[in-house]
N, C-alpha and C. Protein backbone atom coordinates (compact mmCIF):
# COMPACT_ATOMS: atom_id res chain seq x y z
N MET A 1 -194.82 -41.98 40.98
CA MET A 1 -194.83 -40.78 40.16
C MET A 1 -195.42 -41.15 38.81
N SER A 2 -196.37 -40.35 38.30
CA SER A 2 -197.01 -40.64 37.03
C SER A 2 -196.05 -40.40 35.88
N VAL A 3 -196.39 -40.97 34.71
CA VAL A 3 -195.56 -40.77 33.52
C VAL A 3 -195.48 -39.29 33.19
N GLU A 4 -196.63 -38.58 33.25
CA GLU A 4 -196.64 -37.16 32.92
C GLU A 4 -195.77 -36.36 33.88
N SER A 5 -195.83 -36.65 35.18
CA SER A 5 -195.02 -35.89 36.13
C SER A 5 -193.55 -36.23 35.96
N THR A 6 -193.24 -37.48 35.59
CA THR A 6 -191.86 -37.85 35.32
C THR A 6 -191.34 -37.09 34.11
N GLU A 7 -192.15 -37.01 33.04
CA GLU A 7 -191.74 -36.28 31.85
C GLU A 7 -191.61 -34.79 32.13
N THR A 8 -192.53 -34.26 32.93
CA THR A 8 -192.45 -32.85 33.27
C THR A 8 -191.17 -32.56 34.05
N ALA A 9 -190.84 -33.42 34.99
CA ALA A 9 -189.61 -33.24 35.75
C ALA A 9 -188.40 -33.35 34.85
N ALA A 10 -188.44 -34.28 33.92
CA ALA A 10 -187.32 -34.45 33.00
C ALA A 10 -187.17 -33.24 32.09
N LEU A 11 -188.29 -32.72 31.59
CA LEU A 11 -188.23 -31.53 30.74
C LEU A 11 -187.64 -30.35 31.50
N SER A 12 -187.97 -30.24 32.76
CA SER A 12 -187.45 -29.11 33.53
C SER A 12 -185.98 -29.26 33.86
N ALA A 13 -185.49 -30.49 33.88
CA ALA A 13 -184.11 -30.72 34.27
C ALA A 13 -183.13 -30.73 33.10
N ILE A 14 -183.62 -30.93 31.89
CA ILE A 14 -182.73 -31.07 30.74
C ILE A 14 -182.97 -29.92 29.76
N ALA A 15 -181.93 -29.24 29.41
CA ALA A 15 -182.00 -28.19 28.38
C ALA A 15 -180.92 -28.51 27.36
N CYS A 16 -181.11 -29.60 26.66
CA CYS A 16 -180.16 -30.08 25.66
C CYS A 16 -178.77 -30.22 26.26
N GLY A 17 -178.72 -30.91 27.38
CA GLY A 17 -177.43 -31.19 27.99
C GLY A 17 -177.11 -30.34 29.19
N SER A 18 -177.81 -29.26 29.40
CA SER A 18 -177.54 -28.44 30.59
C SER A 18 -178.75 -28.51 31.51
N SER A 19 -178.50 -28.33 32.78
CA SER A 19 -179.60 -28.44 33.73
C SER A 19 -180.24 -27.09 34.00
N SER A 20 -181.48 -27.14 34.40
CA SER A 20 -182.23 -25.95 34.75
C SER A 20 -183.02 -26.24 36.00
N PRO A 21 -183.00 -25.37 37.00
CA PRO A 21 -183.72 -25.62 38.23
C PRO A 21 -185.21 -25.31 38.12
N THR A 22 -185.65 -24.80 36.98
CA THR A 22 -187.03 -24.35 36.83
C THR A 22 -187.93 -25.49 36.38
N SER A 23 -188.98 -25.74 37.14
CA SER A 23 -189.99 -26.72 36.76
C SER A 23 -190.94 -26.06 35.78
N PRO A 24 -191.44 -26.80 34.77
CA PRO A 24 -192.39 -26.19 33.84
C PRO A 24 -193.58 -25.55 34.54
N SER A 25 -194.05 -26.15 35.62
CA SER A 25 -195.20 -25.58 36.31
C SER A 25 -194.87 -24.25 36.98
N ASP A 26 -193.60 -23.95 37.18
CA ASP A 26 -193.19 -22.68 37.78
C ASP A 26 -192.99 -21.57 36.75
N ILE A 27 -193.03 -21.92 35.48
CA ILE A 27 -192.80 -20.94 34.42
C ILE A 27 -194.11 -20.27 34.07
N GLY A 28 -194.14 -18.96 34.21
CA GLY A 28 -195.35 -18.21 33.90
C GLY A 28 -195.57 -18.10 32.41
N ILE A 29 -196.83 -18.11 32.03
CA ILE A 29 -197.19 -17.91 30.63
C ILE A 29 -197.21 -16.41 30.38
N THR A 30 -196.19 -15.93 29.71
CA THR A 30 -196.10 -14.50 29.41
C THR A 30 -196.34 -14.22 27.94
N LEU A 31 -196.28 -15.26 27.13
CA LEU A 31 -196.48 -15.11 25.70
C LEU A 31 -197.51 -16.13 25.25
N THR A 32 -198.69 -15.65 24.89
CA THR A 32 -199.75 -16.53 24.43
C THR A 32 -199.81 -16.48 22.92
N GLY A 33 -200.76 -17.19 22.37
CA GLY A 33 -200.93 -17.21 20.93
C GLY A 33 -201.75 -16.04 20.45
N THR A 34 -202.16 -16.15 19.21
CA THR A 34 -202.95 -15.09 18.58
C THR A 34 -204.40 -15.50 18.43
N GLY A 35 -204.73 -16.71 18.88
CA GLY A 35 -206.10 -17.20 18.79
C GLY A 35 -206.37 -18.07 17.58
N VAL A 36 -205.36 -18.36 16.78
CA VAL A 36 -205.53 -19.19 15.59
C VAL A 36 -205.97 -20.59 16.04
N THR A 37 -206.98 -21.13 15.35
CA THR A 37 -207.51 -22.45 15.71
C THR A 37 -207.28 -23.48 14.61
N THR A 38 -206.51 -23.13 13.60
CA THR A 38 -206.35 -24.01 12.44
C THR A 38 -204.94 -24.58 12.29
N TYR A 39 -204.06 -24.36 13.26
CA TYR A 39 -202.72 -24.92 13.14
C TYR A 39 -202.77 -26.43 13.27
N THR A 40 -201.88 -27.10 12.52
CA THR A 40 -201.76 -28.55 12.62
C THR A 40 -200.31 -28.90 12.90
N TYR A 41 -200.12 -30.10 13.44
CA TYR A 41 -198.77 -30.58 13.71
C TYR A 41 -197.98 -30.66 12.40
N THR A 42 -198.55 -31.31 11.41
CA THR A 42 -197.82 -31.57 10.17
C THR A 42 -197.42 -30.29 9.45
N ALA A 43 -198.33 -29.37 9.29
CA ALA A 43 -198.05 -28.16 8.50
C ALA A 43 -197.32 -27.07 9.28
N ASP A 44 -197.60 -26.95 10.55
CA ASP A 44 -197.13 -25.77 11.29
C ASP A 44 -196.13 -26.06 12.40
N VAL A 45 -196.31 -27.12 13.14
CA VAL A 45 -195.48 -27.38 14.32
C VAL A 45 -194.27 -28.26 14.00
N ALA A 46 -194.47 -29.30 13.22
CA ALA A 46 -193.35 -30.20 12.89
C ALA A 46 -192.15 -29.45 12.29
N PRO A 47 -192.36 -28.49 11.38
CA PRO A 47 -191.20 -27.76 10.86
C PRO A 47 -190.42 -27.00 11.94
N ILE A 48 -191.10 -26.45 12.91
CA ILE A 48 -190.43 -25.74 14.01
C ILE A 48 -189.62 -26.73 14.85
N LEU A 49 -190.26 -27.83 15.22
CA LEU A 49 -189.58 -28.82 16.06
C LEU A 49 -188.41 -29.46 15.32
N THR A 50 -188.58 -29.72 14.04
CA THR A 50 -187.51 -30.31 13.24
C THR A 50 -186.30 -29.38 13.20
N ARG A 51 -186.53 -28.11 13.02
CA ARG A 51 -185.45 -27.14 12.94
C ARG A 51 -184.77 -26.90 14.29
N ASP A 52 -185.56 -26.80 15.34
CA ASP A 52 -185.03 -26.31 16.61
C ASP A 52 -184.95 -27.32 17.75
N CYS A 53 -185.60 -28.46 17.62
CA CYS A 53 -185.70 -29.36 18.78
C CYS A 53 -185.16 -30.76 18.56
N VAL A 54 -185.27 -31.30 17.34
CA VAL A 54 -184.93 -32.71 17.16
C VAL A 54 -183.44 -33.01 17.30
N SER A 55 -182.60 -32.01 17.24
CA SER A 55 -181.18 -32.30 17.44
C SER A 55 -180.94 -32.84 18.85
N CYS A 56 -181.78 -32.49 19.78
CA CYS A 56 -181.66 -33.00 21.15
C CYS A 56 -182.77 -33.98 21.52
N HIS A 57 -183.86 -33.95 20.80
CA HIS A 57 -185.02 -34.78 21.13
C HIS A 57 -185.35 -35.71 19.98
N SER A 58 -184.42 -36.65 19.69
CA SER A 58 -184.66 -37.64 18.63
C SER A 58 -183.74 -38.83 18.80
N GLY A 59 -184.13 -39.92 18.18
CA GLY A 59 -183.31 -41.12 18.12
C GLY A 59 -182.62 -41.49 19.41
N SER A 60 -181.32 -41.73 19.31
CA SER A 60 -180.56 -42.14 20.48
C SER A 60 -180.33 -40.99 21.45
N ARG A 61 -180.57 -39.76 21.00
CA ARG A 61 -180.43 -38.61 21.88
C ARG A 61 -181.81 -38.00 22.14
N ALA A 62 -182.63 -38.72 22.79
CA ALA A 62 -183.96 -38.24 23.13
C ALA A 62 -183.92 -37.64 24.53
N ASP A 63 -183.33 -36.44 24.64
CA ASP A 63 -183.21 -35.78 25.94
C ASP A 63 -184.57 -35.74 26.64
N ALA A 64 -184.53 -35.91 27.94
CA ALA A 64 -185.72 -35.95 28.79
C ALA A 64 -186.65 -37.09 28.40
N GLY A 65 -186.13 -38.06 27.64
CA GLY A 65 -186.95 -39.18 27.22
C GLY A 65 -187.97 -38.83 26.16
N LEU A 66 -187.77 -37.68 25.50
CA LEU A 66 -188.74 -37.21 24.51
C LEU A 66 -188.14 -37.26 23.12
N ASN A 67 -188.89 -37.85 22.19
CA ASN A 67 -188.49 -37.90 20.80
C ASN A 67 -189.50 -37.10 20.00
N PHE A 68 -189.06 -35.97 19.47
CA PHE A 68 -189.96 -35.07 18.75
C PHE A 68 -189.96 -35.28 17.25
N THR A 69 -189.61 -36.47 16.80
CA THR A 69 -189.62 -36.75 15.37
C THR A 69 -190.96 -37.27 14.88
N SER A 70 -191.90 -37.47 15.79
CA SER A 70 -193.23 -37.93 15.40
C SER A 70 -194.30 -37.21 16.21
N TYR A 71 -195.48 -37.20 15.67
CA TYR A 71 -196.63 -36.62 16.35
C TYR A 71 -196.84 -37.30 17.70
N ALA A 72 -196.79 -38.63 17.70
CA ALA A 72 -196.99 -39.38 18.95
C ALA A 72 -195.94 -39.01 19.99
N GLY A 73 -194.71 -38.83 19.56
CA GLY A 73 -193.65 -38.45 20.48
C GLY A 73 -193.87 -37.07 21.09
N VAL A 74 -194.31 -36.14 20.27
CA VAL A 74 -194.57 -34.77 20.75
C VAL A 74 -195.73 -34.77 21.74
N LEU A 75 -196.72 -35.60 21.49
CA LEU A 75 -197.89 -35.64 22.40
C LEU A 75 -197.52 -36.08 23.81
N ARG A 76 -196.35 -36.66 23.99
CA ARG A 76 -195.91 -37.02 25.35
C ARG A 76 -195.63 -35.77 26.19
N ALA A 77 -195.45 -34.61 25.53
CA ALA A 77 -195.18 -33.35 26.25
C ALA A 77 -196.33 -32.37 26.09
N VAL A 78 -197.47 -32.86 25.64
CA VAL A 78 -198.60 -31.98 25.34
C VAL A 78 -199.90 -32.56 25.91
N THR A 79 -200.70 -31.68 26.48
CA THR A 79 -202.07 -32.00 26.82
C THR A 79 -202.93 -31.10 25.94
N PRO A 80 -203.57 -31.66 24.91
CA PRO A 80 -204.36 -30.81 24.00
C PRO A 80 -205.33 -29.91 24.75
N GLY A 81 -205.29 -28.63 24.39
CA GLY A 81 -206.18 -27.65 24.99
C GLY A 81 -205.65 -26.99 26.26
N SER A 82 -204.49 -27.42 26.74
CA SER A 82 -203.99 -26.93 28.02
C SER A 82 -202.71 -26.11 27.91
N ASP A 83 -202.76 -24.90 28.47
CA ASP A 83 -201.53 -24.09 28.51
C ASP A 83 -200.60 -24.57 29.64
N GLN A 84 -201.03 -25.59 30.36
CA GLN A 84 -200.17 -26.20 31.38
C GLN A 84 -199.29 -27.30 30.79
N SER A 85 -199.43 -27.57 29.50
CA SER A 85 -198.61 -28.58 28.84
C SER A 85 -197.14 -28.24 29.00
N PRO A 86 -196.32 -29.23 29.33
CA PRO A 86 -194.88 -28.96 29.49
C PRO A 86 -194.26 -28.27 28.28
N LEU A 87 -194.63 -28.68 27.06
CA LEU A 87 -194.05 -28.05 25.87
C LEU A 87 -194.36 -26.56 25.82
N VAL A 88 -195.59 -26.20 26.11
CA VAL A 88 -195.99 -24.78 26.09
C VAL A 88 -195.18 -23.99 27.11
N ARG A 89 -194.99 -24.53 28.27
CA ARG A 89 -194.34 -23.80 29.36
C ARG A 89 -192.83 -23.67 29.17
N VAL A 90 -192.15 -24.75 28.71
CA VAL A 90 -190.69 -24.68 28.62
C VAL A 90 -190.20 -23.80 27.48
N ILE A 91 -191.08 -23.47 26.52
CA ILE A 91 -190.66 -22.58 25.43
C ILE A 91 -191.02 -21.12 25.69
N GLN A 92 -191.62 -20.85 26.83
CA GLN A 92 -191.91 -19.46 27.20
C GLN A 92 -190.59 -18.69 27.36
N PRO A 93 -190.61 -17.36 27.23
CA PRO A 93 -189.37 -16.58 27.37
C PRO A 93 -188.58 -16.88 28.65
N ALA A 94 -189.24 -17.25 29.73
CA ALA A 94 -188.53 -17.58 30.97
C ALA A 94 -188.19 -19.07 31.07
N GLY A 95 -188.57 -19.84 30.06
CA GLY A 95 -188.35 -21.28 30.09
C GLY A 95 -187.00 -21.70 29.56
N PRO A 96 -186.58 -22.91 29.91
CA PRO A 96 -185.24 -23.37 29.53
C PRO A 96 -185.06 -23.67 28.04
N MET A 97 -186.14 -23.83 27.29
CA MET A 97 -186.01 -24.15 25.86
C MET A 97 -186.15 -22.93 24.95
N TYR A 98 -186.55 -21.82 25.48
CA TYR A 98 -186.77 -20.62 24.65
C TYR A 98 -185.52 -20.25 23.85
N ALA A 99 -184.37 -20.29 24.46
CA ALA A 99 -183.12 -19.90 23.78
C ALA A 99 -182.76 -20.86 22.65
N ASN A 100 -183.32 -22.06 22.65
CA ASN A 100 -183.03 -23.02 21.59
C ASN A 100 -183.83 -22.76 20.33
N LEU A 101 -184.84 -21.91 20.42
CA LEU A 101 -185.62 -21.57 19.24
C LEU A 101 -184.83 -20.58 18.38
N SER A 102 -184.85 -20.80 17.09
CA SER A 102 -184.12 -19.91 16.18
C SER A 102 -185.07 -18.89 15.55
N GLY A 103 -184.48 -17.88 14.95
CA GLY A 103 -185.30 -16.89 14.23
C GLY A 103 -186.21 -16.12 15.16
N ASP A 104 -187.43 -15.93 14.73
CA ASP A 104 -188.42 -15.18 15.51
C ASP A 104 -189.00 -16.09 16.60
N ARG A 105 -188.32 -16.12 17.73
CA ARG A 105 -188.71 -17.00 18.83
C ARG A 105 -190.15 -16.76 19.28
N ASN A 106 -190.51 -15.50 19.43
CA ASN A 106 -191.85 -15.19 19.93
C ASN A 106 -192.93 -15.72 18.99
N GLN A 107 -192.70 -15.62 17.70
CA GLN A 107 -193.67 -16.11 16.73
C GLN A 107 -193.79 -17.63 16.84
N LYS A 108 -192.68 -18.32 17.05
CA LYS A 108 -192.71 -19.78 17.20
C LYS A 108 -193.43 -20.18 18.48
N VAL A 109 -193.21 -19.45 19.56
CA VAL A 109 -193.93 -19.72 20.81
C VAL A 109 -195.43 -19.55 20.59
N GLN A 110 -195.81 -18.50 19.87
CA GLN A 110 -197.23 -18.25 19.61
C GLN A 110 -197.85 -19.38 18.77
N VAL A 111 -197.14 -19.83 17.76
CA VAL A 111 -197.66 -20.92 16.92
C VAL A 111 -197.86 -22.18 17.77
N ILE A 112 -196.86 -22.54 18.55
CA ILE A 112 -196.97 -23.75 19.37
C ILE A 112 -198.07 -23.59 20.42
N TYR A 113 -198.14 -22.43 21.04
CA TYR A 113 -199.21 -22.17 22.01
C TYR A 113 -200.57 -22.35 21.35
N ASP A 114 -200.77 -21.68 20.20
CA ASP A 114 -202.06 -21.79 19.50
C ASP A 114 -202.36 -23.23 19.09
N TRP A 115 -201.32 -23.95 18.64
CA TRP A 115 -201.53 -25.34 18.24
C TRP A 115 -201.99 -26.19 19.42
N VAL A 116 -201.31 -26.06 20.56
CA VAL A 116 -201.67 -26.87 21.73
C VAL A 116 -203.00 -26.42 22.32
N VAL A 117 -203.13 -25.12 22.56
CA VAL A 117 -204.28 -24.63 23.32
C VAL A 117 -205.52 -24.42 22.46
N ASN A 118 -205.39 -23.74 21.34
CA ASN A 118 -206.55 -23.38 20.53
C ASN A 118 -206.89 -24.39 19.44
N SER A 119 -205.90 -25.06 18.89
CA SER A 119 -206.16 -26.08 17.86
C SER A 119 -206.19 -27.48 18.46
N HIS A 120 -206.04 -27.57 19.78
CA HIS A 120 -206.11 -28.85 20.51
C HIS A 120 -205.16 -29.89 19.95
N ALA A 121 -203.96 -29.45 19.58
CA ALA A 121 -202.88 -30.33 19.11
C ALA A 121 -203.30 -31.18 17.91
N ALA A 122 -204.00 -30.54 16.98
CA ALA A 122 -204.46 -31.25 15.78
C ALA A 122 -203.29 -31.81 14.99
N GLN A 123 -203.50 -33.00 14.46
CA GLN A 123 -202.45 -33.63 13.69
C GLN A 123 -202.39 -33.00 12.32
């Protein structure tokens, strides 16, 4: 099993301590971005992940083997330019991580989608 498929399986199985039977590849993309091509990890995505994801994906508690405290760590769940990236899929409204997003969830999904797909995961 490849590293990417192992990570994808892990992302689908872990929802900050609870299990989910949904594989990221089975989650439909129902919420896309707005077409923005200028989002960066540092300015736009890191604040979202810090607020909503690092409590489960950092340090000694790197659920699914993912540590979202660094750009390199986040790239383990991202394929730049691809809406098939595990991160894009698990935060969709039908995905296991959507409920972990705070505030305007849909806006955060759109930012992350645009960052991965349209900004090609720019640092």
